[in-house]
N, C-alpha and C. Protein backbone atom coordinates (compact mmCIF):
# COMPACT_ATOMS: atom_id res chain seq x y z
N UNK A 1 0.83 -1.24 0.01
CA UNK A 1 -0.01 -0.03 0.03
C UNK A 1 0.96 1.31 -0.05
N UNK A 2 0.53 2.27 -0.94
CA UNK A 2 1.40 3.46 -1.13
C UNK A 2 0.86 4.38 -0.08
N UNK A 3 1.96 5.15 0.36
CA UNK A 3 1.74 6.29 1.49
C UNK A 3 1.10 7.46 0.74
N UNK A 4 0.16 8.22 1.36
CA UNK A 4 -0.43 9.28 0.72
C UNK A 4 0.52 10.55 0.97
N UNK A 5 0.44 11.67 0.41
CA UNK A 5 1.20 12.78 0.73
C UNK A 5 0.78 13.28 2.04
N UNK A 6 -0.40 13.20 2.53
CA UNK A 6 -0.83 13.63 3.96
C UNK A 6 -0.23 12.85 4.95
N UNK A 7 -0.27 11.56 4.74
CA UNK A 7 0.29 10.47 5.80
C UNK A 7 1.93 10.76 5.66
N UNK A 8 2.56 10.94 4.68
CA UNK A 8 3.76 11.12 4.54
C UNK A 8 4.14 12.39 5.44
N UNK A 9 3.38 13.58 5.21
CA UNK A 9 3.74 14.68 6.00
C UNK A 9 3.59 14.62 7.23
N UNK A 10 2.51 13.83 7.86
CA UNK A 10 2.26 13.65 9.34
C UNK A 10 3.34 12.63 9.90
N UNK A 11 3.91 11.68 9.26
CA UNK A 11 5.11 10.74 9.79
C UNK A 11 6.38 11.61 9.84
N UNK A 12 6.63 12.65 8.87
CA UNK A 12 7.74 13.41 8.98
C UNK A 12 7.71 14.38 10.07
N UNK A 13 6.48 15.02 10.46
CA UNK A 13 6.11 15.98 11.34
C UNK A 13 6.45 15.10 12.95
N UNK A 14 6.12 14.02 12.94
CA UNK A 14 6.41 13.22 14.07
C UNK A 14 7.87 12.81 14.27
N UNK A 15 8.71 13.17 13.33
CA UNK A 15 10.10 12.76 13.44
C UNK A 15 10.30 11.22 13.25
N UNK A 16 9.50 10.52 12.58
CA UNK A 16 9.74 9.08 12.24
C UNK A 16 10.89 8.84 11.56
N UNK A 17 11.59 7.49 12.26
CA UNK A 17 12.95 7.08 11.89
C UNK A 17 12.67 6.57 10.60
N UNK A 18 13.46 6.83 9.69
CA UNK A 18 13.14 6.24 8.29
C UNK A 18 14.47 5.25 7.87
N UNK A 19 13.91 3.99 7.83
CA UNK A 19 15.05 2.94 7.51
C UNK A 19 15.04 2.85 5.92
N UNK A 20 16.24 2.68 5.48
CA UNK A 20 16.76 2.41 4.08
C UNK A 20 15.82 1.23 3.61
N UNK A 21 14.98 1.54 2.27
CA UNK A 21 14.19 0.32 1.81
C UNK A 21 12.78 0.24 2.40
N UNK A 22 12.47 1.09 3.23
CA UNK A 22 11.09 1.12 4.10
C UNK A 22 10.27 1.70 2.89
N UNK A 23 8.87 1.77 3.27
CA UNK A 23 7.82 2.20 2.56
C UNK A 23 8.03 3.78 2.53
N UNK A 24 8.46 4.32 3.55
CA UNK A 24 8.55 5.76 3.69
C UNK A 24 9.81 6.32 2.65
N UNK A 25 11.01 5.44 3.05
CA UNK A 25 12.14 5.68 2.07
C UNK A 25 11.76 5.55 0.71
N UNK A 26 10.98 4.55 0.40
CA UNK A 26 10.50 4.66 -1.30
C UNK A 26 9.71 5.77 -1.56
N UNK A 27 8.93 6.33 -0.93
CA UNK A 27 8.12 7.32 -1.00
C UNK A 27 9.04 8.72 -1.06
N UNK A 28 10.18 8.67 -0.56
CA UNK A 28 11.30 9.81 -0.85
C UNK A 28 11.67 9.77 -2.33
N UNK A 29 11.91 8.54 -2.80
CA UNK A 29 12.46 8.17 -4.23
C UNK A 29 11.35 8.74 -5.22
N UNK A 30 10.07 8.31 -4.74
CA UNK A 30 9.19 8.71 -5.72
C UNK A 30 8.95 10.31 -5.82
N UNK A 31 8.84 11.06 -4.64
CA UNK A 31 8.76 12.34 -4.66
C UNK A 31 9.85 13.07 -5.22
N UNK A 32 10.96 12.51 -5.19
CA UNK A 32 12.38 13.15 -5.61
C UNK A 32 12.01 13.03 -7.09
N UNK A 33 11.56 12.11 -7.80
CA UNK A 33 11.60 11.95 -9.25
C UNK A 33 10.51 13.01 -9.83
N UNK A 34 9.43 13.18 -8.97
CA UNK A 34 8.46 14.23 -9.36
C UNK A 34 9.12 15.62 -9.12
N UNK A 35 9.78 15.79 -8.35
CA UNK A 35 10.51 17.25 -7.98
C UNK A 35 11.32 17.34 -9.02
N UNK A 36 12.22 16.50 -9.49
CA UNK A 36 12.98 16.67 -10.66
C UNK A 36 12.42 17.08 -11.96
N UNK A 37 11.30 16.50 -12.00
CA UNK A 37 10.58 16.73 -13.35
C UNK A 37 10.11 18.21 -13.16
N UNK A 38 9.41 18.56 -12.09
CA UNK A 38 8.69 20.00 -11.96
C UNK A 38 9.69 20.95 -11.78
N UNK A 39 10.99 20.94 -11.00
CA UNK A 39 11.94 21.69 -11.12
C UNK A 39 12.62 22.10 -12.56
N UNK A 40 12.59 20.93 -13.24
CA UNK A 40 13.32 21.01 -14.62
C UNK A 40 12.34 22.09 -15.50
N UNK A 41 11.09 22.08 -15.10
CA UNK A 41 10.14 23.01 -15.88
C UNK A 41 10.46 24.35 -15.41
N UNK A 42 10.46 24.53 -13.80
CA UNK A 42 10.81 25.72 -13.42
C UNK A 42 12.17 26.40 -13.97
N UNK A 43 13.18 25.61 -13.92
CA UNK A 43 14.57 26.13 -14.23
C UNK A 43 14.75 26.10 -15.77
N UNK A 44 14.11 25.23 -16.46
CA UNK A 44 14.50 24.95 -17.89
C UNK A 44 14.40 26.22 -19.01
N UNK A 45 13.38 27.04 -18.69
CA UNK A 45 13.03 28.13 -19.47
C UNK A 45 12.46 29.32 -18.93
N UNK A 46 12.32 30.39 -19.39
CA UNK A 46 11.64 31.75 -18.77
C UNK A 46 10.05 31.26 -18.54
N UNK A 47 9.79 31.64 -17.27
CA UNK A 47 8.19 31.44 -16.99
C UNK A 47 7.93 32.69 -16.37
N UNK A 48 6.71 33.30 -16.58
CA UNK A 48 6.20 34.47 -15.63
C UNK A 48 5.86 34.04 -14.52
N UNK A 49 5.79 35.09 -13.58
CA UNK A 49 5.33 34.83 -12.14
C UNK A 49 4.24 33.98 -12.04
N UNK A 50 3.18 34.14 -12.79
CA UNK A 50 2.19 33.36 -12.52
C UNK A 50 2.32 31.84 -12.78
N UNK A 51 3.07 31.61 -13.88
CA UNK A 51 3.46 30.29 -14.01
C UNK A 51 4.41 29.79 -13.23
N UNK A 52 5.25 30.40 -12.60
CA UNK A 52 6.09 29.87 -11.42
C UNK A 52 5.24 29.42 -10.20
N UNK A 53 4.32 30.43 -9.95
CA UNK A 53 3.47 29.87 -8.89
C UNK A 53 2.60 28.79 -9.27
N UNK A 54 2.25 28.58 -10.23
CA UNK A 54 1.40 27.32 -10.50
C UNK A 54 2.42 26.12 -10.50
N UNK A 55 3.67 26.26 -10.96
CA UNK A 55 4.43 25.05 -10.97
C UNK A 55 4.80 24.77 -9.56
N UNK A 56 5.05 25.73 -8.79
CA UNK A 56 5.38 25.52 -7.35
C UNK A 56 4.13 25.09 -6.54
N UNK A 57 3.17 25.34 -6.72
CA UNK A 57 1.86 24.99 -6.22
C UNK A 57 1.63 23.30 -6.54
N UNK A 58 2.17 22.95 -7.93
CA UNK A 58 2.10 21.54 -8.18
C UNK A 58 3.20 20.81 -7.50
N UNK A 59 4.40 21.43 -7.41
CA UNK A 59 5.53 20.92 -6.61
C UNK A 59 5.23 20.58 -5.13
N UNK A 60 4.44 21.54 -4.64
CA UNK A 60 4.17 21.50 -3.16
C UNK A 60 3.03 20.73 -2.81
N UNK A 61 2.05 20.55 -3.89
CA UNK A 61 0.85 20.04 -3.61
C UNK A 61 -0.22 20.87 -2.66
N UNK A 62 0.01 22.31 -2.69
CA UNK A 62 -0.69 23.23 -2.02
C UNK A 62 -0.81 24.52 -2.68
N UNK A 63 -1.82 25.34 -2.31
CA UNK A 63 -1.99 26.49 -2.97
C UNK A 63 -0.95 27.62 -2.42
N UNK A 64 -0.27 28.04 -3.58
CA UNK A 64 0.57 29.14 -3.27
C UNK A 64 0.07 30.64 -3.47
N UNK A 65 0.38 31.48 -2.73
CA UNK A 65 -0.47 32.79 -2.56
C UNK A 65 0.14 33.58 -3.86
N UNK A 66 -0.68 34.44 -4.40
CA UNK A 66 -0.17 35.28 -5.54
C UNK A 66 1.00 36.27 -5.39
N UNK A 67 1.14 36.51 -4.05
CA UNK A 67 2.32 37.26 -3.58
C UNK A 67 3.58 36.64 -3.35
N UNK A 68 3.87 35.27 -3.70
CA UNK A 68 4.80 34.68 -3.80
C UNK A 68 5.76 34.84 -4.80
N UNK A 69 7.13 35.04 -4.78
CA UNK A 69 8.19 35.30 -5.88
C UNK A 69 9.25 34.26 -5.73
N UNK A 70 9.67 33.96 -6.82
CA UNK A 70 10.77 32.96 -7.00
C UNK A 70 11.52 33.36 -8.34
N UNK A 71 12.98 33.45 -7.93
CA UNK A 71 13.92 33.77 -9.23
C UNK A 71 14.55 32.37 -9.30
N UNK A 72 14.39 31.46 -10.39
CA UNK A 72 14.87 30.41 -10.53
C UNK A 72 16.59 30.52 -10.88
N UNK A 73 17.34 29.41 -10.91
CA UNK A 73 16.71 28.17 -10.50
C UNK A 73 16.57 27.96 -9.01
N UNK A 74 15.74 26.85 -8.80
CA UNK A 74 15.18 26.41 -7.66
C UNK A 74 15.51 24.91 -7.49
N UNK A 75 16.11 24.39 -6.58
CA UNK A 75 16.37 22.91 -6.40
C UNK A 75 15.58 22.35 -5.09
N UNK A 76 15.02 21.05 -5.29
CA UNK A 76 14.40 20.55 -4.10
C UNK A 76 14.31 19.07 -4.55
N UNK A 77 14.64 18.13 -3.34
CA UNK A 77 14.67 16.81 -3.61
C UNK A 77 13.31 16.04 -2.95
N UNK A 78 12.29 16.95 -2.81
CA UNK A 78 10.96 16.22 -2.46
C UNK A 78 9.76 17.37 -3.03
N UNK A 79 9.66 18.60 -2.27
CA UNK A 79 8.80 19.35 -2.68
C UNK A 79 7.41 19.19 -1.78
N UNK A 80 7.11 18.05 -1.47
CA UNK A 80 5.76 17.80 -0.90
C UNK A 80 5.53 18.25 0.57
N UNK A 81 6.80 18.72 1.22
CA UNK A 81 6.62 19.20 2.72
C UNK A 81 7.15 20.52 2.80
N UNK A 82 7.01 21.52 1.84
CA UNK A 82 7.33 22.75 1.99
C UNK A 82 5.75 23.68 2.18
N UNK A 83 6.10 24.48 3.03
CA UNK A 83 4.80 25.34 3.34
C UNK A 83 5.39 26.74 3.38
N UNK A 84 4.48 27.48 2.52
CA UNK A 84 4.95 28.75 2.34
C UNK A 84 3.88 29.90 2.42
N UNK A 85 4.19 30.89 3.19
CA UNK A 85 3.34 31.95 3.60
C UNK A 85 3.16 32.99 2.62
N UNK A 86 2.62 34.18 2.96
CA UNK A 86 2.20 35.16 1.81
C UNK A 86 3.60 36.08 1.85
N UNK A 87 3.65 36.66 0.67
CA UNK A 87 4.78 37.60 0.39
C UNK A 87 6.11 37.02 0.63
N UNK A 88 6.48 35.81 0.42
CA UNK A 88 7.54 35.16 0.54
C UNK A 88 8.50 35.46 -0.79
N UNK A 89 9.63 35.71 -0.71
CA UNK A 89 10.58 35.69 -1.97
C UNK A 89 11.73 34.74 -1.78
N UNK A 90 11.87 33.86 -2.73
CA UNK A 90 13.12 32.99 -2.72
C UNK A 90 13.93 33.43 -3.98
N UNK A 91 15.21 33.85 -3.70
CA UNK A 91 16.16 34.20 -4.44
C UNK A 91 16.73 32.91 -5.20
N UNK A 92 17.59 33.14 -6.45
CA UNK A 92 18.02 32.27 -7.16
C UNK A 92 19.04 31.17 -6.54
N UNK A 93 19.01 30.05 -7.13
CA UNK A 93 20.12 28.95 -6.68
C UNK A 93 19.71 28.46 -5.20
N UNK A 94 18.60 28.68 -4.58
CA UNK A 94 18.40 27.94 -3.38
C UNK A 94 18.13 26.52 -3.65
N UNK A 95 18.54 25.76 -2.45
CA UNK A 95 18.46 24.30 -2.34
C UNK A 95 17.69 23.84 -1.16
N UNK A 96 16.55 23.12 -1.30
CA UNK A 96 15.68 22.76 -0.25
C UNK A 96 15.51 21.24 0.06
N UNK A 97 16.08 20.71 0.96
CA UNK A 97 16.02 19.30 1.32
C UNK A 97 14.76 19.17 2.27
N UNK A 98 13.47 19.14 1.68
CA UNK A 98 12.38 19.47 2.62
C UNK A 98 11.60 18.16 3.39
N UNK A 99 12.23 17.04 2.92
CA UNK A 99 11.36 15.73 3.40
C UNK A 99 10.93 16.06 4.98
N UNK A 100 11.66 16.52 5.81
CA UNK A 100 11.39 16.70 7.09
C UNK A 100 10.63 17.83 7.57
N UNK A 101 10.38 18.70 6.33
CA UNK A 101 9.31 19.74 6.67
C UNK A 101 10.14 21.03 6.65
N UNK A 102 9.75 21.99 5.69
CA UNK A 102 10.12 23.38 5.69
C UNK A 102 9.02 24.50 5.73
N UNK A 103 9.01 25.16 7.00
CA UNK A 103 7.85 26.18 6.65
C UNK A 103 8.53 27.58 6.75
N UNK A 104 7.80 28.44 5.88
CA UNK A 104 8.40 29.91 5.84
C UNK A 104 7.14 30.69 5.86
N UNK A 105 7.40 31.45 7.02
CA UNK A 105 6.36 32.46 7.20
C UNK A 105 6.32 33.87 6.30
N UNK A 106 5.16 34.36 6.53
CA UNK A 106 4.70 35.44 5.76
C UNK A 106 5.71 36.59 5.75
N UNK A 107 5.95 37.15 4.48
CA UNK A 107 6.92 38.33 4.44
C UNK A 107 8.43 37.93 4.57
N UNK A 108 8.91 36.76 4.53
CA UNK A 108 10.23 36.38 4.69
C UNK A 108 10.81 36.29 3.19
N UNK A 109 12.29 36.56 3.44
CA UNK A 109 13.18 36.63 2.08
C UNK A 109 14.29 35.76 2.44
N UNK A 110 14.27 34.91 1.29
CA UNK A 110 15.59 33.88 1.25
C UNK A 110 16.59 34.31 0.17
N UNK A 111 17.75 34.40 0.76
CA UNK A 111 18.78 34.94 -0.05
C UNK A 111 19.36 33.95 -1.14
N UNK A 112 20.17 34.47 -2.14
CA UNK A 112 20.69 33.50 -3.12
C UNK A 112 21.49 32.41 -2.41
N UNK A 113 21.47 31.24 -3.01
CA UNK A 113 22.33 29.96 -2.58
C UNK A 113 22.03 29.46 -1.29
N UNK A 114 20.82 29.87 -0.73
CA UNK A 114 20.60 29.23 0.58
C UNK A 114 20.33 27.65 0.52
N UNK A 115 20.82 26.93 1.50
CA UNK A 115 20.45 25.62 1.76
C UNK A 115 19.81 25.22 2.91
N UNK A 116 18.80 24.50 2.85
CA UNK A 116 17.77 24.37 3.94
C UNK A 116 17.71 22.87 4.20
N UNK A 117 18.32 22.18 5.18
CA UNK A 117 18.42 20.75 5.24
C UNK A 117 17.30 20.40 6.48
N UNK A 118 16.94 19.32 6.11
CA UNK A 118 16.11 18.69 7.19
C UNK A 118 16.12 17.20 7.46
N UNK A 119 17.07 16.61 6.93
CA UNK A 119 17.30 15.36 7.48
C UNK A 119 18.63 14.88 7.99
N UNK A 120 18.92 13.99 8.75
CA UNK A 120 20.11 13.53 9.20
C UNK A 120 20.27 12.18 9.08
N UNK A 121 21.39 11.69 8.59
CA UNK A 121 21.68 10.35 8.49
C UNK A 121 22.17 9.69 9.78
N UNK A 122 21.93 8.42 9.97
CA UNK A 122 22.14 7.81 11.16
C UNK A 122 23.70 7.96 11.55
N UNK A 123 24.14 8.16 12.73
CA UNK A 123 25.52 8.01 13.20
C UNK A 123 26.25 6.84 13.08
N UNK A 124 25.48 5.74 13.07
CA UNK A 124 26.11 4.44 13.11
C UNK A 124 26.49 3.94 11.60
N UNK A 125 27.58 3.88 11.38
CA UNK A 125 28.05 3.61 9.87
C UNK A 125 27.29 2.50 9.30
N UNK A 126 27.06 1.47 9.91
CA UNK A 126 26.26 0.33 9.51
C UNK A 126 24.95 0.66 9.12
N UNK A 127 24.38 1.74 9.75
CA UNK A 127 22.99 2.16 9.51
C UNK A 127 22.90 3.73 8.71
N UNK A 128 24.08 4.00 7.92
CA UNK A 128 24.37 5.33 7.71
C UNK A 128 23.11 5.67 6.47
N UNK A 129 22.39 4.82 5.85
CA UNK A 129 21.46 5.11 4.83
C UNK A 129 20.15 5.64 5.45
N UNK A 130 19.89 5.15 6.91
CA UNK A 130 18.86 5.63 7.51
C UNK A 130 18.77 7.01 7.85
N UNK A 131 17.44 7.30 7.98
CA UNK A 131 17.41 8.90 8.05
C UNK A 131 16.49 9.15 9.34
N UNK A 132 16.79 10.71 9.89
CA UNK A 132 15.92 11.09 10.99
C UNK A 132 15.33 12.37 10.31
N UNK A 133 14.25 12.67 10.14
CA UNK A 133 13.58 13.91 9.98
C UNK A 133 13.57 14.96 10.83
N UNK A 134 13.87 16.27 10.57
CA UNK A 134 13.71 17.39 11.64
C UNK A 134 13.45 18.46 10.99
N UNK A 135 12.25 19.08 11.28
CA UNK A 135 11.68 20.35 10.41
C UNK A 135 12.36 21.68 10.63
N UNK A 136 12.50 22.42 9.67
CA UNK A 136 13.06 23.81 9.82
C UNK A 136 11.84 24.74 9.94
N UNK A 137 11.67 25.78 10.84
CA UNK A 137 10.64 26.73 10.71
C UNK A 137 11.33 28.04 10.83
N UNK A 138 10.82 28.79 9.69
CA UNK A 138 11.44 30.14 9.49
C UNK A 138 10.10 31.16 9.81
N UNK A 139 10.29 32.14 10.80
CA UNK A 139 9.06 32.84 11.11
C UNK A 139 8.73 33.81 10.10
N UNK A 140 7.93 34.66 10.52
CA UNK A 140 7.55 36.03 9.53
C UNK A 140 8.57 36.75 9.41
N UNK A 141 8.62 37.61 8.23
CA UNK A 141 9.64 38.68 8.18
C UNK A 141 10.94 38.48 8.30
N UNK A 142 11.31 37.23 8.34
CA UNK A 142 12.86 36.76 8.37
C UNK A 142 13.43 37.18 7.20
N UNK A 143 14.83 37.67 7.27
CA UNK A 143 15.71 37.78 6.11
C UNK A 143 16.92 36.97 6.12
N UNK A 144 17.10 36.10 5.17
CA UNK A 144 18.24 35.24 5.35
C UNK A 144 19.13 35.68 4.05
N UNK A 145 20.26 36.03 4.53
CA UNK A 145 21.33 36.47 3.53
C UNK A 145 21.81 35.46 2.67
N UNK A 146 22.53 35.83 1.44
CA UNK A 146 22.93 34.83 0.57
C UNK A 146 23.96 33.91 1.22
N UNK A 147 24.02 32.54 0.52
CA UNK A 147 25.05 31.48 1.04
C UNK A 147 24.86 31.12 2.40
N UNK A 148 23.66 30.92 3.10
CA UNK A 148 23.40 30.47 4.20
C UNK A 148 23.11 29.15 3.96
N UNK A 149 23.28 28.37 5.23
CA UNK A 149 22.87 26.83 5.27
C UNK A 149 22.11 26.86 6.62
N UNK A 150 21.04 26.26 6.62
CA UNK A 150 20.12 26.02 7.74
C UNK A 150 19.97 24.41 7.99
N UNK A 151 20.39 24.02 9.07
CA UNK A 151 20.53 22.68 9.57
C UNK A 151 19.09 22.19 10.16
N UNK A 152 19.00 20.87 10.18
CA UNK A 152 17.74 20.24 10.54
C UNK A 152 17.31 20.90 11.98
N UNK A 153 16.07 20.82 12.20
CA UNK A 153 15.56 21.18 13.53
C UNK A 153 15.61 22.61 13.98
N UNK A 154 16.13 23.55 13.20
CA UNK A 154 16.40 24.90 13.36
C UNK A 154 14.92 25.55 13.42
N UNK A 155 14.83 26.54 14.24
CA UNK A 155 13.64 27.68 14.14
C UNK A 155 14.34 28.91 14.34
N UNK A 156 13.83 29.76 13.29
CA UNK A 156 14.31 31.15 13.35
C UNK A 156 13.23 31.90 13.64
N UNK A 157 13.30 32.85 14.54
CA UNK A 157 12.05 33.53 15.20
C UNK A 157 11.70 34.86 14.10
N UNK A 158 10.49 35.34 14.31
CA UNK A 158 9.99 36.40 13.43
C UNK A 158 10.95 37.57 13.55
N UNK A 159 11.02 38.08 12.43
CA UNK A 159 11.74 39.36 12.28
C UNK A 159 13.39 39.10 12.33
N UNK A 160 13.97 37.90 12.52
CA UNK A 160 15.14 37.77 12.77
C UNK A 160 15.94 38.03 11.30
N UNK A 161 17.44 38.24 11.26
CA UNK A 161 18.23 38.29 10.14
C UNK A 161 19.35 37.43 10.44
N UNK A 162 19.48 36.65 9.27
CA UNK A 162 20.64 35.60 9.32
C UNK A 162 21.68 36.29 8.30
N UNK A 163 22.86 36.69 8.69
CA UNK A 163 23.85 37.19 7.93
C UNK A 163 24.46 36.38 6.77
N UNK A 164 24.83 36.97 5.72
CA UNK A 164 25.43 36.31 4.60
C UNK A 164 26.37 35.11 4.99
N UNK A 165 26.50 34.15 4.53
CA UNK A 165 27.36 32.94 4.70
C UNK A 165 27.24 32.18 5.91
N UNK A 166 26.39 32.39 6.80
CA UNK A 166 26.12 31.97 8.04
C UNK A 166 25.47 30.36 7.86
N UNK A 167 26.24 29.52 8.94
CA UNK A 167 25.79 28.13 9.07
C UNK A 167 24.90 28.24 10.26
N UNK A 168 23.57 27.81 10.30
CA UNK A 168 22.65 28.08 11.49
C UNK A 168 22.42 26.57 12.03
N UNK A 169 23.20 26.35 13.12
CA UNK A 169 23.06 24.96 13.65
C UNK A 169 22.05 24.84 14.71
N UNK A 170 21.69 26.06 15.38
CA UNK A 170 20.43 25.88 16.54
C UNK A 170 19.70 27.20 16.24
N UNK A 171 18.51 27.08 17.01
CA UNK A 171 17.44 27.98 16.78
C UNK A 171 18.10 29.61 17.25
N UNK A 172 17.43 30.49 16.33
CA UNK A 172 17.57 31.83 16.54
C UNK A 172 16.33 32.69 17.08
N UNK A 173 16.45 33.42 18.25
CA UNK A 173 15.39 34.12 18.80
C UNK A 173 14.77 35.28 17.75
N UNK A 174 13.57 35.46 17.71
CA UNK A 174 13.05 36.59 16.98
C UNK A 174 13.74 37.84 17.41
N UNK A 175 13.64 38.72 16.28
CA UNK A 175 14.19 40.12 16.21
C UNK A 175 15.61 40.15 16.59
N UNK A 176 16.46 39.23 16.19
CA UNK A 176 17.80 39.24 16.58
C UNK A 176 18.70 39.22 15.12
N UNK A 177 19.86 39.51 15.19
CA UNK A 177 20.88 39.24 14.00
C UNK A 177 21.71 38.19 14.54
N UNK A 178 21.94 37.14 13.71
CA UNK A 178 22.80 35.90 13.82
C UNK A 178 23.83 35.86 12.59
N UNK A 179 25.09 35.68 12.96
CA UNK A 179 25.98 35.40 11.73
C UNK A 179 26.97 34.72 12.31
N UNK A 180 27.74 33.97 11.05
CA UNK A 180 29.04 33.31 11.39
C UNK A 180 28.68 31.81 11.32
N UNK A 181 29.91 30.99 11.55
CA UNK A 181 29.86 29.60 11.39
C UNK A 181 30.33 28.90 12.60
N UNK A 182 29.67 28.38 13.50
CA UNK A 182 28.33 28.44 13.43
C UNK A 182 27.70 29.90 13.95
N UNK A 183 26.57 29.95 13.47
CA UNK A 183 25.79 31.53 13.49
C UNK A 183 25.62 31.52 15.12
N UNK A 184 25.83 32.72 15.47
CA UNK A 184 25.62 33.28 16.76
C UNK A 184 24.89 34.60 16.88
N UNK A 185 23.96 34.91 17.82
CA UNK A 185 23.36 36.09 17.83
C UNK A 185 24.41 37.25 18.15
N UNK A 186 24.40 38.30 17.31
CA UNK A 186 25.31 39.41 17.68
C UNK A 186 24.63 40.68 18.15
N UNK A 187 23.29 40.64 17.87
CA UNK A 187 22.52 41.82 18.17
C UNK A 187 20.97 41.62 18.13
N UNK A 188 20.48 42.53 18.92
CA UNK A 188 18.96 42.63 19.08
C UNK A 188 18.37 43.54 17.93
N UNK A 189 17.28 43.42 17.43
CA UNK A 189 16.78 44.43 16.48
C UNK A 189 15.62 45.36 17.30
N UNK A 190 15.99 46.73 17.29
CA UNK A 190 14.95 47.28 17.72
C UNK A 190 13.57 47.64 16.92
N UNK A 191 12.33 47.27 17.28
CA UNK A 191 11.32 47.44 16.47
C UNK A 191 10.56 48.59 16.52
N UNK A 192 10.28 49.35 15.59
CA UNK A 192 9.73 50.75 15.63
C UNK A 192 8.55 50.55 14.90
N UNK A 193 7.34 51.01 15.33
CA UNK A 193 5.97 51.11 14.45
C UNK A 193 5.90 52.43 14.10
N UNK A 194 6.86 52.72 12.98
CA UNK A 194 6.61 53.98 12.53
C UNK A 194 5.95 54.00 11.13
């Protein structure tokens, strides 16, 4: 019996351990092939913004708001576990490993070459093909600079900024600026309602 997309998302949300060759593992491969096909349509030629949104909706099997923006190329090895808010912009050459779940809140900006990972391999070398999903949640009005890497299980709070080239290994509080490898908070952001 084949796993539905909704069942897949629920299993990933629970952090279900994925053994190589299992039904979930096979679903990864199926979704990867679908993602390759759709992202080749996104990346292979010019598409107007409305066509990009249509293709991204197909990729994620969810309705993408008309305020969404994407500059291709864009890469993902699943697509089915990406949740996008309103007024989100993803710049060119981003890579999402979304099996474990990626959620991006309203008004967030994702810089060039950002990589978001949501899977860890088993530390035991005899079980290295097995995987543990861990979602990444990016809050509202977050700005992620170019060339950042965000690792599994990270949450980035509303209004935060991640400096260019940073590797985010742990969660970042709201309204702060984090930079470096590993990223660390260097400043709080003063929020003015002007």
